[in-house]
Structures are given as C-alpha cells and as structure tokens.
N, C-alpha and C. Protein backbone atom coordinates (compact mmCIF):
# COMPACT_ATOMS: atom_id res chain seq x y z
N MET A 1 52.20 82.78 174.94
CA MET A 1 53.28 83.74 175.02
C MET A 1 54.60 82.98 175.23
N GLU A 2 55.63 83.37 174.47
CA GLU A 2 56.92 82.70 174.58
C GLU A 2 57.67 83.14 175.83
N ARG A 3 58.47 82.26 176.35
CA ARG A 3 59.30 82.57 177.51
C ARG A 3 60.46 83.44 177.06
N LEU A 4 60.67 84.55 177.75
CA LEU A 4 61.77 85.46 177.41
C LEU A 4 63.06 85.02 178.08
N LEU A 5 64.17 85.30 177.44
CA LEU A 5 65.48 84.95 177.97
C LEU A 5 66.03 86.08 178.83
N ASN A 6 66.82 85.72 179.84
CA ASN A 6 67.50 86.74 180.63
C ASN A 6 68.94 86.91 180.11
N LYS A 7 69.68 87.82 180.70
CA LYS A 7 71.04 88.12 180.23
C LYS A 7 71.96 86.90 180.32
N LYS A 8 71.81 86.13 181.38
CA LYS A 8 72.68 84.96 181.56
C LYS A 8 72.45 83.94 180.45
N GLU A 9 71.21 83.72 180.09
CA GLU A 9 70.88 82.77 179.03
C GLU A 9 71.39 83.25 177.67
N VAL A 10 71.29 84.55 177.42
CA VAL A 10 71.80 85.11 176.16
C VAL A 10 73.33 85.01 176.14
N ALA A 11 73.95 85.29 177.26
CA ALA A 11 75.41 85.18 177.35
C ALA A 11 75.86 83.75 177.04
N GLN A 12 75.14 82.78 177.54
CA GLN A 12 75.47 81.38 177.26
C GLN A 12 75.28 81.06 175.78
N ALA A 13 74.24 81.60 175.17
CA ALA A 13 73.98 81.36 173.75
C ALA A 13 75.11 81.91 172.88
N PHE A 14 75.65 83.07 173.28
CA PHE A 14 76.74 83.70 172.53
C PHE A 14 78.11 83.20 172.97
N GLY A 15 78.17 82.55 174.13
CA GLY A 15 79.47 82.10 174.65
C GLY A 15 80.30 83.25 175.17
N VAL A 16 79.63 84.23 175.78
CA VAL A 16 80.31 85.40 176.33
C VAL A 16 79.86 85.61 177.78
N SER A 17 80.41 86.63 178.41
CA SER A 17 80.03 86.93 179.79
C SER A 17 78.76 87.78 179.82
N VAL A 18 78.13 87.80 180.99
CA VAL A 18 76.95 88.65 181.18
C VAL A 18 77.34 90.11 181.03
N LYS A 19 78.56 90.45 181.44
CA LYS A 19 79.05 91.82 181.31
C LYS A 19 79.09 92.24 179.83
N ALA A 20 79.46 91.33 178.96
CA ALA A 20 79.47 91.62 177.52
C ALA A 20 78.06 91.90 177.02
N VAL A 21 77.09 91.11 177.48
CA VAL A 21 75.69 91.34 177.10
C VAL A 21 75.24 92.70 177.61
N ASP A 22 75.62 93.06 178.84
CA ASP A 22 75.30 94.39 179.38
C ASP A 22 75.83 95.50 178.48
N LYS A 23 77.06 95.35 178.00
CA LYS A 23 77.66 96.35 177.12
C LYS A 23 76.89 96.45 175.81
N TRP A 24 76.48 95.30 175.26
CA TRP A 24 75.72 95.29 174.02
C TRP A 24 74.37 95.98 174.20
N VAL A 25 73.74 95.75 175.35
CA VAL A 25 72.45 96.39 175.63
C VAL A 25 72.64 97.90 175.75
N CYS A 26 73.65 98.32 176.51
CA CYS A 26 73.91 99.76 176.70
C CYS A 26 74.19 100.47 175.38
N SER A 27 74.89 99.79 174.48
CA SER A 27 75.23 100.40 173.19
C SER A 27 74.20 100.06 172.11
N ARG A 28 73.14 99.36 172.52
CA ARG A 28 72.04 98.97 171.62
C ARG A 28 72.51 98.17 170.41
N GLN A 29 73.45 97.28 170.65
CA GLN A 29 73.96 96.42 169.58
C GLN A 29 73.15 95.14 169.43
N ILE A 30 72.33 94.84 170.41
CA ILE A 30 71.55 93.60 170.40
C ILE A 30 70.09 93.95 170.71
N PRO A 31 69.13 93.31 170.04
CA PRO A 31 67.72 93.62 170.31
C PRO A 31 67.29 93.12 171.69
N PHE A 32 66.57 93.95 172.43
CA PHE A 32 66.13 93.58 173.78
C PHE A 32 64.80 94.24 174.12
N ILE A 33 64.20 93.78 175.20
CA ILE A 33 62.96 94.35 175.72
C ILE A 33 63.28 94.89 177.10
N ARG A 34 62.99 96.16 177.34
CA ARG A 34 63.20 96.73 178.66
C ARG A 34 61.92 96.50 179.47
N VAL A 35 62.03 95.64 180.49
CA VAL A 35 60.88 95.31 181.33
C VAL A 35 60.66 96.43 182.34
N SER A 36 61.74 96.85 182.98
CA SER A 36 61.69 97.97 183.92
C SER A 36 63.12 98.36 184.28
N GLY A 37 63.33 99.62 184.54
CA GLY A 37 64.65 100.09 184.97
C GLY A 37 65.81 99.40 184.28
N LYS A 38 66.53 98.58 185.03
CA LYS A 38 67.69 97.86 184.49
C LYS A 38 67.34 96.44 184.03
N CYS A 39 66.10 96.05 184.22
CA CYS A 39 65.68 94.69 183.88
C CYS A 39 65.35 94.59 182.39
N VAL A 40 66.11 93.77 181.69
CA VAL A 40 65.86 93.55 180.27
C VAL A 40 65.68 92.07 180.01
N ARG A 41 64.95 91.77 178.94
CA ARG A 41 64.73 90.39 178.52
C ARG A 41 64.86 90.34 177.00
N PHE A 42 64.97 89.13 176.50
CA PHE A 42 65.24 88.92 175.08
C PHE A 42 64.30 87.85 174.54
N ARG A 43 63.79 88.08 173.33
CA ARG A 43 62.95 87.08 172.67
C ARG A 43 63.86 86.05 172.01
N PRO A 44 63.64 84.76 172.28
CA PRO A 44 64.49 83.71 171.71
C PRO A 44 64.58 83.77 170.18
N GLY A 45 63.44 83.96 169.51
CA GLY A 45 63.43 84.00 168.05
C GLY A 45 64.22 85.16 167.50
N VAL A 46 64.14 86.31 168.15
CA VAL A 46 64.88 87.49 167.71
C VAL A 46 66.37 87.28 167.91
N ILE A 47 66.75 86.67 169.02
CA ILE A 47 68.17 86.39 169.29
C ILE A 47 68.69 85.39 168.26
N GLN A 48 67.90 84.37 167.95
CA GLN A 48 68.32 83.38 166.94
C GLN A 48 68.51 84.04 165.58
N ASP A 49 67.58 84.92 165.19
CA ASP A 49 67.72 85.66 163.93
C ASP A 49 68.96 86.53 163.94
N TYR A 50 69.22 87.18 165.07
CA TYR A 50 70.39 88.04 165.21
C TYR A 50 71.67 87.22 165.03
N LEU A 51 71.73 86.06 165.66
CA LEU A 51 72.90 85.18 165.52
C LEU A 51 73.07 84.73 164.07
N THR A 52 71.97 84.38 163.43
CA THR A 52 72.02 83.93 162.05
C THR A 52 72.53 85.03 161.12
N LYS A 53 72.03 86.24 161.31
CA LYS A 53 72.45 87.36 160.47
C LYS A 53 73.92 87.72 160.67
N ARG A 54 74.44 87.47 161.88
CA ARG A 54 75.83 87.82 162.16
C ARG A 54 76.80 86.69 161.83
N THR A 55 76.28 85.57 161.36
CA THR A 55 77.13 84.45 160.99
C THR A 55 77.85 84.77 159.68
N VAL A 56 79.16 84.64 159.72
CA VAL A 56 79.97 84.89 158.54
C VAL A 56 80.18 83.54 157.85
N LYS A 57 79.77 83.48 156.62
CA LYS A 57 79.89 82.23 155.87
C LYS A 57 81.29 82.13 155.26
N ALA A 58 81.85 80.95 155.33
CA ALA A 58 83.17 80.72 154.78
C ALA A 58 83.10 80.74 153.25
N GLU A 59 84.12 81.28 152.67
CA GLU A 59 84.21 81.27 151.21
C GLU A 59 84.89 79.99 150.77
N VAL A 60 84.36 79.41 149.74
CA VAL A 60 84.97 78.21 149.18
C VAL A 60 85.89 78.66 148.07
N ARG A 61 87.14 78.36 148.26
CA ARG A 61 88.11 78.75 147.24
C ARG A 61 88.79 77.51 146.70
N ASN A 62 89.01 77.51 145.43
CA ASN A 62 89.68 76.40 144.79
C ASN A 62 91.18 76.63 144.93
N SER A 63 91.82 75.82 145.75
CA SER A 63 93.25 76.01 145.95
C SER A 63 94.08 75.35 144.86
N PHE A 64 93.43 74.56 144.04
CA PHE A 64 94.14 73.91 142.95
C PHE A 64 93.88 74.67 141.66
N LYS A 65 94.92 75.11 141.04
CA LYS A 65 94.77 75.79 139.76
C LYS A 65 94.99 74.78 138.66
N THR A 66 94.12 74.83 137.71
CA THR A 66 94.28 73.88 136.60
C THR A 66 95.41 74.36 135.70
N LYS A 67 96.24 73.43 135.40
CA LYS A 67 97.39 73.74 134.54
C LYS A 67 97.00 73.55 133.09
N GLN A 68 97.13 74.60 132.34
CA GLN A 68 96.79 74.50 130.94
C GLN A 68 97.99 73.96 130.17
N SER A 69 97.68 73.06 129.27
CA SER A 69 98.77 72.52 128.45
C SER A 69 99.14 73.52 127.38
N PRO A 70 100.44 73.61 127.07
CA PRO A 70 100.86 74.57 126.05
C PRO A 70 100.27 74.20 124.69
N GLN A 71 99.86 75.21 123.98
CA GLN A 71 99.27 75.01 122.66
C GLN A 71 100.38 74.81 121.63
N GLN A 72 100.21 73.85 120.77
CA GLN A 72 101.24 73.61 119.75
C GLN A 72 100.73 73.93 118.40
C-alpha cells in the first residue's frame, strides 16, 4: 500500500499554503480521500497526474518572419 500525503505535503508540492489546499478540498477542485471528518489524504500518483494535466505547455512561435524576395 502506498503512503498517502497530508495537506502540508500537497501544499509543498504545489508551492502554496495549507489554507489553499483546504479551499481546493472544500470546492472539490483537487482529488482527495476523506479518512474521517476533516481528515483528508491524497494519493501521490493521483496528485502527480493532476499536476501534469494542469501544466500549460508553452507555444513555440517563430518570431522571425521570412522575407520573400520580390518576383521579377
């Protein structure tokens, strides 16, 4: 059985406060396991997948436009 993460560990993974993780849990924006009452835990693999899916990939744009020579 894998070790589950607590709110503090998830907050560190996201680089946010524990309060932010609490808000995400309350609004069900992040996948979690309710152990009891207010106690929640997170599966590391699910959190990693969540982070991967929320990663915005940079677009590669060509800033150089090729200059066409005038046709004669």
